[in-house]
Protein backbone atom coordinates (compact mmCIF):
# COMPACT_ATOMS: atom_id res chain seq x y z
CA MET A 1 26.41 -60.97 12.34
CA ILE A 2 22.81 -62.95 14.42
CA ASN A 3 19.76 -61.20 13.57
CA PRO A 4 17.77 -61.91 17.43
CA ALA A 5 14.42 -61.48 15.24
CA ASN A 6 15.17 -64.76 13.81
CA ASN A 7 16.29 -65.74 17.51
CA ALA A 8 12.93 -66.93 18.40
CA PRO A 9 11.64 -70.11 19.21
CA GLN A 10 9.19 -71.65 16.23
CA ASN A 11 6.06 -73.21 17.64
CA THR A 12 5.19 -75.72 14.36
CA GLU A 13 2.59 -77.39 17.19
CA GLN A 14 -1.12 -77.07 16.07
CA LYS A 15 -3.63 -76.13 18.95
CA PRO A 16 -6.51 -79.01 19.28
CA THR A 17 -9.90 -77.42 17.55
CA CYS A 18 -12.76 -78.10 18.60
CA PRO A 19 -14.68 -80.36 16.36
CA ASP A 20 -17.99 -78.71 16.63
CA CYS A 21 -16.73 -75.29 14.98
CA ALA A 22 -13.19 -75.37 14.56
CA SER A 23 -12.30 -72.80 16.66
CA GLU A 24 -8.39 -73.10 18.30
CA LEU A 25 -8.80 -74.52 21.70
CA ASP A 26 -6.14 -72.39 25.16
CA VAL A 27 -4.85 -75.97 26.72
CA PRO A 28 -2.91 -75.45 29.93
CA LEU A 29 0.28 -76.96 29.72
CA ASP A 30 -0.47 -79.15 32.94
CA VAL A 31 -4.07 -80.11 31.54
CA GLU A 32 -4.98 -83.39 32.95
CA LYS A 33 -6.82 -86.61 32.41
CA GLY A 34 -10.65 -86.36 32.63
CA GLU A 35 -10.71 -82.70 33.44
CA ILE A 36 -13.43 -80.27 30.91
CA LEU A 37 -12.98 -77.48 28.79
CA SER A 38 -14.95 -75.12 27.31
CA CYS A 39 -15.02 -73.56 23.23
CA PRO A 40 -14.13 -70.09 23.00
CA GLY A 41 -16.53 -70.00 20.20
CA CYS A 42 -19.58 -72.15 20.81
CA GLY A 43 -19.31 -72.91 24.55
CA LEU A 44 -19.23 -76.97 24.15
CA GLU A 45 -17.39 -78.81 26.69
CA LEU A 46 -15.25 -81.37 25.93
CA GLU A 47 -13.47 -84.09 28.26
CA VAL A 48 -9.07 -84.17 28.00
CA LYS A 49 -9.61 -88.14 27.36
CA ASN A 50 -5.33 -88.85 26.77
CA ASN A 51 -2.72 -86.07 27.04
CA PRO A 52 0.38 -87.84 25.82
CA VAL A 53 3.89 -86.55 27.51
CA GLY A 54 5.08 -83.47 25.88
CA GLY A 55 1.71 -82.29 24.61
CA GLY A 56 1.82 -84.45 21.18
CA GLY A 57 -1.63 -85.31 20.50
CA LEU A 58 -4.15 -84.09 22.76
CA ASP A 59 -7.70 -86.29 22.93
CA LEU A 60 -10.52 -84.26 23.17
CA GLN A 61 -14.37 -85.96 23.13
CA GLU A 62 -17.63 -84.33 23.70
CA LEU A 63 -18.98 -84.29 27.01
CA THR A 64 -21.33 -86.16 27.56
CA LEU A 65 -23.91 -86.42 30.50
CA GLU A 66 -25.67 -89.63 30.52
CA GLY A 67 -28.51 -88.90 33.14
CA GLU A 68 -30.09 -91.91 35.66
CA ASP A 69 -32.83 -94.01 33.47
CA TRP A 70 -34.89 -95.69 36.42
CA GLY A 71 -36.51 -97.64 34.25
CA GLU A 72 -39.06 -95.25 32.35
């Protein structure tokens, strides 16, 4: 006899974590390159640099906004 409680799919894939505070990030399945995610723990904004098919190996980088220099 099969125990139904043991038939649940096992998710061994780790969630991406914030590089600043190590909080787990909830990333939508349909996230696309260039989208901005916010860390729920510290508020750090992260840009999706690469999202390979299948979701494994999501590449996140801290968002940096570069302003105009105007020669100063």
